[in-house]
């Protein structure tokens, strides 16, 4: 369960605002919705981001 303010949508919004503030361009998003961040075993998007797939 996500703590208030740390849902996936809230995290994406906060990071987009940070990127805008820093004049950065988000070129791709990786998201393993509903997966725990405690390990990477069942997170294909995370592995792809790290070029492990």
Protein backbone atom coordinates (compact mmCIF):
# COMPACT_ATOMS: atom_id res chain seq x y z
CA UNK A 1 0.00 0.00 0.00
CA UNK A 2 1.34 3.43 -0.92
CA UNK A 3 1.66 6.10 1.74
CA UNK A 4 -0.34 9.29 1.04
CA UNK A 5 1.54 11.50 -1.40
CA UNK A 6 3.73 8.66 -2.66
CA UNK A 7 1.34 6.95 -5.07
CA UNK A 8 2.68 6.20 -8.51
CA UNK A 9 0.78 9.16 -9.99
CA UNK A 10 2.06 11.49 -7.26
CA UNK A 11 5.64 10.32 -7.84
CA UNK A 12 5.35 10.87 -11.61
CA UNK A 13 3.89 14.34 -11.13
CA UNK A 14 6.60 15.37 -8.67
CA UNK A 15 9.35 14.12 -10.98
CA UNK A 16 7.82 15.88 -14.01
CA UNK A 17 7.74 19.15 -12.06
CA UNK A 18 11.37 18.64 -11.01
CA UNK A 19 12.38 17.95 -14.62
CA UNK A 20 10.60 21.09 -15.79
CA UNK A 21 12.26 23.15 -13.05
CA UNK A 22 15.68 21.83 -14.11
CA UNK A 23 14.92 22.35 -17.84
CA UNK A 24 15.11 18.60 -18.41
CA UNK A 25 13.10 16.58 -20.89
CA UNK A 26 11.54 13.28 -19.85
CA UNK A 27 12.06 10.98 -22.81
CA UNK A 28 10.71 7.76 -21.34
CA UNK A 29 8.96 6.44 -18.26
CA UNK A 30 9.38 3.00 -16.71
CA UNK A 31 6.64 1.76 -14.45
CA UNK A 32 5.98 -1.59 -12.78
CA UNK A 33 2.56 -0.74 -11.39
CA UNK A 34 1.47 -2.78 -8.41
CA UNK A 35 4.92 -4.26 -7.87
CA UNK A 36 6.89 -3.93 -4.66
CA UNK A 37 10.08 -1.91 -4.73
CA UNK A 38 11.72 -4.32 -2.29
CA UNK A 39 13.23 -6.49 -5.02
CA UNK A 40 13.66 -6.51 -8.80
CA UNK A 41 12.78 -10.13 -9.48
CA UNK A 42 9.25 -9.41 -10.71
CA UNK A 43 9.81 -5.91 -12.16
CA UNK A 44 10.42 -6.16 -15.92
CA UNK A 45 10.28 -2.38 -16.49
CA UNK A 46 12.89 -1.78 -13.80
CA UNK A 47 15.15 -4.41 -15.35
CA UNK A 48 14.67 -2.86 -18.79
CA UNK A 49 15.60 0.56 -17.40
CA UNK A 50 18.84 -0.96 -16.11
CA UNK A 51 19.35 -2.75 -19.45
CA UNK A 52 19.12 -6.16 -17.76
CA UNK A 53 16.50 -7.61 -20.14
